[in-house]
Amino acid sequence: MHCLSEADRNNILELARQAVEEAVRQRRLLKEIPKAQIFEERCGVFVTLTAGGRLRGCIGVIEAKATLGESIVRCATESALDDPRFSPMQPEELSGLEIEVSLLSPLERIQPEQVEIGRHGLLVEQGYRRGLLLPQVAVEHHLDREQFLRETCYKAGLPRDAWETPETRIYRFSCEIVKEAK
């Protein structure tokens, strides 16, 4: 997992904020990514946007196919404009927006009893269906292990008890969470 300096954390949040503002104001991807070393690394990343304590967008990549800088820009842009659960953000929403960036560790296949609430995020996979929930989801919604597994299956479009079947694969990951101070 990453060991981020305060400068890295600030750079990550600044890049995500610039990408969201460029997306919302100009309806385009931010072109210039700073040269900070952290942005050259590769890992999964999710960008979560909230306004007034409510989810406004959350998009991410599980496997890193691009640099972290490119992934943050793309995920921040898509969170603001393309999350299918929400209408595209408008400029007047930017002032109350809070940004959280989650850097994912590599996936590790596990058994259901190995899930640790508050420490692990989950990816459930069966056939072509996949569902992922970040570790903070279980904590924020006061889910126990079984509820967390059920909700991850539901997110994958599977029956909620699919985690109990042998054809369902369960993976865990941890997150380094970087968020703006309130």
C-alpha atoms as a PDB file:
ATOM      1  CA  MET A   1       0.000   0.000   0.000  1.00  0.00           C
ATOM      2  CA  HIS A   2       1.033   3.553  -0.494  1.00  0.00           C
ATOM      3  CA  CYS A   3       2.723   5.651   2.134  1.00  0.00           C
ATOM      4  CA  LEU A   4       1.660   9.102   1.063  1.00  0.00           C
ATOM      5  CA  SER A   5       3.379  12.261   2.198  1.00  0.00           C
ATOM      6  CA  GLU A   6       1.318  15.328   3.029  1.00  0.00           C
ATOM      7  CA  ALA A   7       2.502  16.839  -0.273  1.00  0.00           C
ATOM      8  CA  ASP A   8       1.293  13.730  -2.173  1.00  0.00           C
ATOM      9  CA  ARG A   9      -2.093  13.937  -0.466  1.00  0.00           C
ATOM     10  CA  ASN A  10      -2.437  17.637  -1.310  1.00  0.00           C
ATOM     11  CA  ASN A  11      -1.336  17.036  -4.922  1.00  0.00           C
ATOM     12  CA  ILE A  12      -3.878  14.226  -5.349  1.00  0.00           C
ATOM     13  CA  LEU A  13      -6.742  16.370  -4.050  1.00  0.00           C
ATOM     14  CA  GLU A  14      -5.658  19.384  -6.075  1.00  0.00           C
ATOM     15  CA  LEU A  15      -5.526  17.332  -9.285  1.00  0.00           C
ATOM     16  CA  ALA A  16      -8.944  15.775  -8.615  1.00  0.00           C
ATOM     17  CA  ARG A  17     -10.466  19.210  -7.902  1.00  0.00           C
ATOM     18  CA  GLN A  18      -8.920  20.718 -11.059  1.00  0.00           C
ATOM     19  CA  ALA A  19     -10.250  17.804 -13.120  1.00  0.00           C
ATOM     20  CA  VAL A  20     -13.772  18.179 -11.707  1.00  0.00           C
ATOM     21  CA  GLU A  21     -13.776  21.943 -12.283  1.00  0.00           C
ATOM     22  CA  GLU A  22     -12.513  21.541 -15.859  1.00  0.00           C
ATOM     23  CA  ALA A  23     -15.159  18.888 -16.510  1.00  0.00           C
ATOM     24  CA  VAL A  24     -18.026  20.890 -15.038  1.00  0.00           C
ATOM     25  CA  ARG A  25     -17.075  24.317 -16.413  1.00  0.00           C
ATOM     26  CA  GLN A  26     -15.591  23.325 -19.800  1.00  0.00           C
ATOM     27  CA  ARG A  27     -17.075  19.821 -20.344  1.00  0.00           C
ATOM     28  CA  ARG A  28     -13.669  18.341 -21.153  1.00  0.00           C
ATOM     29  CA  LEU A  29     -10.806  16.358 -19.641  1.00  0.00           C
ATOM     30  CA  LEU A  30      -8.063  18.263 -17.879  1.00  0.00           C
ATOM     31  CA  LYS A  31      -5.096  18.177 -20.245  1.00  0.00           C
ATOM     32  CA  GLU A  32      -2.092  18.882 -18.032  1.00  0.00           C
ATOM     33  CA  ILE A  33      -1.144  16.484 -15.271  1.00  0.00           C
ATOM     34  CA  PRO A  34       1.512  17.726 -12.844  1.00  0.00           C
ATOM     35  CA  LYS A  35       4.881  15.956 -12.875  1.00  0.00           C
ATOM     36  CA  ALA A  36       4.805  14.834  -9.221  1.00  0.00           C
ATOM     37  CA  GLN A  37       6.205  11.303  -8.828  1.00  0.00           C
ATOM     38  CA  ILE A  38       2.985  10.007  -7.233  1.00  0.00           C
ATOM     39  CA  PHE A  39       1.146  10.563 -10.532  1.00  0.00           C
ATOM     40  CA  GLU A  40       3.473   8.154 -12.377  1.00  0.00           C
ATOM     41  CA  GLU A  41       2.520   5.201 -10.157  1.00  0.00           C
ATOM     42  CA  ARG A  42      -0.160   2.702 -11.138  1.00  0.00           C
ATOM     43  CA  CYS A  43      -2.959   1.478  -8.903  1.00  0.00           C
ATOM     44  CA  GLY A  44      -6.714   1.251  -8.836  1.00  0.00           C
ATOM     45  CA  VAL A  45      -8.435   4.490  -7.847  1.00  0.00           C
ATOM     46  CA  PHE A  46     -11.941   5.757  -7.102  1.00  0.00           C
ATOM     47  CA  VAL A  47     -13.015   9.393  -6.968  1.00  0.00           C
ATOM     48  CA  THR A  48     -16.067  10.049  -4.780  1.00  0.00           C
ATOM     49  CA  LEU A  49     -17.912  13.361  -4.906  1.00  0.00           C
ATOM     50  CA  THR A  50     -20.328  14.447  -2.167  1.00  0.00           C
ATOM     51  CA  ALA A  51     -22.394  17.568  -1.725  1.00  0.00           C
ATOM     52  CA  GLY A  52     -24.205  18.353   1.507  1.00  0.00           C
ATOM     53  CA  GLY A  53     -23.197  14.953   2.874  1.00  0.00           C
ATOM     54  CA  ARG A  54     -24.875  13.136  -0.033  1.00  0.00           C
ATOM     55  CA  LEU A  55     -23.229  11.104  -2.750  1.00  0.00           C
ATOM     56  CA  ARG A  56     -23.013  13.060  -6.016  1.00  0.00           C
ATOM     57  CA  GLY A  57     -20.803  10.723  -8.047  1.00  0.00           C
ATOM     58  CA  CYS A  58     -18.348   7.864  -7.649  1.00  0.00           C
ATOM     59  CA  ILE A  59     -16.387   6.328 -10.490  1.00  0.00           C
ATOM     60  CA  GLY A  60     -13.183   4.333 -10.426  1.00  0.00           C
ATOM     61  CA  VAL A  61     -10.897   1.794 -11.980  1.00  0.00           C
ATOM     62  CA  ILE A  62     -10.000  -1.467 -10.289  1.00  0.00           C
ATOM     63  CA  GLU A  63      -6.964  -2.445 -12.319  1.00  0.00           C
ATOM     64  CA  ALA A  64      -4.516   0.296 -13.291  1.00  0.00           C
ATOM     65  CA  LYS A  65      -4.135   0.515 -17.050  1.00  0.00           C
ATOM     66  CA  ALA A  66      -2.964   4.130 -16.955  1.00  0.00           C
ATOM     67  CA  THR A  67      -0.848   6.217 -14.611  1.00  0.00           C
ATOM     68  CA  LEU A  68      -2.409   7.395 -11.366  1.00  0.00           C
ATOM     69  CA  GLY A  69      -2.500  10.973 -12.674  1.00  0.00           C
ATOM     70  CA  GLU A  70      -4.404   9.940 -15.808  1.00  0.00           C
ATOM     71  CA  SER A  71      -6.738   7.716 -13.785  1.00  0.00           C
ATOM     72  CA  ILE A  72      -7.550  10.479 -11.283  1.00  0.00           C
ATOM     73  CA  VAL A  73      -8.366  12.922 -14.082  1.00  0.00           C
ATOM     74  CA  ARG A  74     -10.583  10.426 -15.907  1.00  0.00           C
ATOM     75  CA  CYS A  75     -12.375   9.184 -12.768  1.00  0.00           C
ATOM     76  CA  ALA A  76     -12.936  12.708 -11.407  1.00  0.00           C
ATOM     77  CA  THR A  77     -14.344  13.804 -14.761  1.00  0.00           C
ATOM     78  CA  GLU A  78     -16.621  10.783 -15.046  1.00  0.00           C
ATOM     79  CA  SER A  79     -17.769  11.143 -11.419  1.00  0.00           C
ATOM     80  CA  ALA A  80     -18.835  14.717 -12.147  1.00  0.00           C
ATOM     81  CA  LEU A  81     -20.430  14.151 -15.537  1.00  0.00           C
ATOM     82  CA  ASP A  82     -21.068  10.483 -16.270  1.00  0.00           C
ATOM     83  CA  ASP A  83     -22.141   8.602 -13.136  1.00  0.00           C
ATOM     84  CA  PRO A  84     -25.379   7.049 -14.444  1.00  0.00           C
ATOM     85  CA  ARG A  85     -27.090   7.511 -11.065  1.00  0.00           C
ATOM     86  CA  PHE A  86     -26.924  11.306 -11.281  1.00  0.00           C
ATOM     87  CA  SER A  87     -27.397  14.136 -13.744  1.00  0.00           C
ATOM     88  CA  PRO A  88     -24.175  15.903 -14.814  1.00  0.00           C
ATOM     89  CA  MET A  89     -22.912  18.397 -12.230  1.00  0.00           C
ATOM     90  CA  GLN A  90     -23.520  22.081 -12.826  1.00  0.00           C
ATOM     91  CA  PRO A  91     -21.064  24.928 -12.045  1.00  0.00           C
ATOM     92  CA  GLU A  92     -23.154  26.198  -9.130  1.00  0.00           C
ATOM     93  CA  GLU A  93     -22.621  22.855  -7.349  1.00  0.00           C
ATOM     94  CA  LEU A  94     -18.820  23.230  -7.209  1.00  0.00           C
ATOM     95  CA  SER A  95     -18.701  25.454  -4.117  1.00  0.00           C
ATOM     96  CA  GLY A  96     -20.286  22.831  -1.843  1.00  0.00           C
ATOM     97  CA  LEU A  97     -18.482  19.851  -3.330  1.00  0.00           C
ATOM     98  CA  GLU A  98     -16.263  17.550  -1.248  1.00  0.00           C
ATOM     99  CA  ILE A  99     -13.791  15.207  -2.935  1.00  0.00           C
ATOM    100  CA  GLU A 100     -12.445  11.882  -1.705  1.00  0.00           C
ATOM    101  CA  VAL A 101      -9.867   9.817  -3.590  1.00  0.00           C
ATOM    102  CA  SER A 102      -9.369   6.146  -2.680  1.00  0.00           C
ATOM    103  CA  LEU A 103      -6.162   4.426  -3.820  1.00  0.00           C
ATOM    104  CA  LEU A 104      -6.664   0.663  -3.992  1.00  0.00           C
ATOM    105  CA  SER A 105      -4.237  -2.076  -3.011  1.00  0.00           C
ATOM    106  CA  PRO A 106      -4.004  -5.106  -5.320  1.00  0.00           C
ATOM    107  CA  LEU A 107      -6.928  -7.538  -5.161  1.00  0.00           C
ATOM    108  CA  GLU A 108      -6.580 -10.721  -3.097  1.00  0.00           C
ATOM    109  CA  ARG A 109      -8.994 -13.643  -3.359  1.00  0.00           C
ATOM    110  CA  ILE A 110     -10.473 -14.590   0.035  1.00  0.00           C
ATOM    111  CA  GLN A 111     -13.145 -16.605   1.792  1.00  0.00           C
ATOM    112  CA  PRO A 112     -16.183 -14.763   3.229  1.00  0.00           C
ATOM    113  CA  GLU A 113     -15.057 -15.238   6.841  1.00  0.00           C
ATOM    114  CA  GLN A 114     -11.851 -13.303   6.085  1.00  0.00           C
ATOM    115  CA  VAL A 115     -13.668 -10.008   5.412  1.00  0.00           C
ATOM    116  CA  GLU A 116     -12.811  -7.348   7.986  1.00  0.00           C
ATOM    117  CA  ILE A 117     -15.283  -4.470   8.203  1.00  0.00           C
ATOM    118  CA  GLY A 118     -13.573  -1.097   8.069  1.00  0.00           C
ATOM    119  CA  ARG A 119     -10.386  -2.566   6.649  1.00  0.00           C
ATOM    120  CA  HIS A 120     -11.417  -4.336   3.446  1.00  0.00           C
ATOM    121  CA  GLY A 121     -13.282  -3.299   0.362  1.00  0.00           C
ATOM    122  CA  LEU A 122     -14.908  -6.092  -1.618  1.00  0.00           C
ATOM    123  CA  LEU A 123     -15.113  -7.174  -5.215  1.00  0.00           C
ATOM    124  CA  VAL A 124     -17.573  -9.971  -5.972  1.00  0.00           C
ATOM    125  CA  GLU A 125     -17.379 -11.678  -9.346  1.00  0.00           C
ATOM    126  CA  GLN A 126     -19.497 -14.350 -11.024  1.00  0.00           C
ATOM    127  CA  GLY A 127     -19.276 -14.876 -14.772  1.00  0.00           C
ATOM    128  CA  TYR A 128     -19.251 -11.448 -16.397  1.00  0.00           C
ATOM    129  CA  ARG A 129     -20.899  -9.727 -13.420  1.00  0.00           C
ATOM    130  CA  ARG A 130     -18.761  -7.733 -10.975  1.00  0.00           C
ATOM    131  CA  GLY A 131     -19.625  -5.507  -8.065  1.00  0.00           C
ATOM    132  CA  LEU A 132     -17.329  -3.461  -5.864  1.00  0.00           C
ATOM    133  CA  LEU A 133     -17.845  -1.594  -2.614  1.00  0.00           C
ATOM    134  CA  LEU A 134     -15.147   0.500  -0.962  1.00  0.00           C
ATOM    135  CA  PRO A 135     -14.248  -0.233   2.693  1.00  0.00           C
ATOM    136  CA  GLN A 136     -15.799   3.025   3.890  1.00  0.00           C
ATOM    137  CA  VAL A 137     -19.243   1.948   2.577  1.00  0.00           C
ATOM    138  CA  ALA A 138     -19.569  -0.768   5.233  1.00  0.00           C
ATOM    139  CA  VAL A 139     -18.579   1.656   7.991  1.00  0.00           C
ATOM    140  CA  GLU A 140     -20.783   4.552   6.798  1.00  0.00           C
ATOM    141  CA  HIS A 141     -23.833   2.272   6.484  1.00  0.00           C
ATOM    142  CA  HIS A 142     -23.123   0.223   9.646  1.00  0.00           C
ATOM    143  CA  LEU A 143     -23.014  -3.071   7.739  1.00  0.00           C
ATOM    144  CA  ASP A 144     -21.867  -6.311   9.278  1.00  0.00           C
ATOM    145  CA  ARG A 145     -19.858  -8.852   7.262  1.00  0.00           C
ATOM    146  CA  GLU A 146     -22.860 -10.681   5.819  1.00  0.00           C
ATOM    147  CA  GLN A 147     -24.685  -7.452   4.926  1.00  0.00           C
ATOM    148  CA  PHE A 148     -21.528  -6.152   3.233  1.00  0.00           C
ATOM    149  CA  LEU A 149     -21.243  -9.341   1.170  1.00  0.00           C
ATOM    150  CA  ARG A 150     -24.954  -9.195   0.294  1.00  0.00           C
ATOM    151  CA  GLU A 151     -24.772  -5.546  -0.792  1.00  0.00           C
ATOM    152  CA  THR A 152     -21.686  -6.194  -2.930  1.00  0.00           C
ATOM    153  CA  CYS A 153     -23.508  -9.061  -4.659  1.00  0.00           C
ATOM    154  CA  TYR A 154     -26.506  -6.788  -5.238  1.00  0.00           C
ATOM    155  CA  LYS A 155     -24.213  -4.152  -6.773  1.00  0.00           C
ATOM    156  CA  ALA A 156     -22.931  -6.846  -9.158  1.00  0.00           C
ATOM    157  CA  GLY A 157     -26.499  -7.572 -10.262  1.00  0.00           C
ATOM    158  CA  LEU A 158     -26.414 -10.955  -8.556  1.00  0.00           C
ATOM    159  CA  PRO A 159     -28.814 -12.420  -5.998  1.00  0.00           C
ATOM    160  CA  ARG A 160     -27.880 -11.110  -2.560  1.00  0.00           C
ATOM    161  CA  ASP A 161     -26.917 -14.599  -1.376  1.00  0.00           C
ATOM    162  CA  ALA A 162     -24.644 -15.293  -4.376  1.00  0.00           C
ATOM    163  CA  TRP A 163     -21.594 -14.927  -2.107  1.00  0.00           C
ATOM    164  CA  GLU A 164     -22.499 -18.321  -0.607  1.00  0.00           C
ATOM    165  CA  THR A 165     -22.159 -20.188  -3.930  1.00  0.00           C
ATOM    166  CA  PRO A 166     -18.894 -21.796  -5.107  1.00  0.00           C
ATOM    167  CA  GLU A 167     -18.966 -20.080  -8.525  1.00  0.00           C
ATOM    168  CA  THR A 168     -18.788 -16.627  -6.921  1.00  0.00           C
ATOM    169  CA  ARG A 169     -15.289 -15.271  -6.356  1.00  0.00           C
ATOM    170  CA  ILE A 170     -14.695 -12.802  -3.530  1.00  0.00           C
ATOM    171  CA  TYR A 171     -11.725 -10.444  -3.477  1.00  0.00           C
ATOM    172  CA  ARG A 172     -10.604  -7.971  -0.856  1.00  0.00           C
ATOM    173  CA  PHE A 173      -8.517  -4.843  -1.084  1.00  0.00           C
ATOM    174  CA  SER A 174      -7.604  -1.988   1.208  1.00  0.00           C
ATOM    175  CA  CYS A 175      -7.626   1.726   0.469  1.00  0.00           C
ATOM    176  CA  GLU A 176      -5.494   4.736   1.199  1.00  0.00           C
ATOM    177  CA  ILE A 177      -8.165   7.406   1.474  1.00  0.00           C
ATOM    178  CA  VAL A 178      -7.373  11.026   0.712  1.00  0.00           C
ATOM    179  CA  LYS A 179     -10.151  13.515   1.378  1.00  0.00           C
ATOM    180  CA  GLU A 180     -10.636  17.192   1.789  1.00  0.00           C
ATOM    181  CA  ALA A 181     -10.881  18.548   5.301  1.00  0.00           C
ATOM    182  CA  LYS A 182     -14.365  19.730   6.185  1.00  0.00           C
END
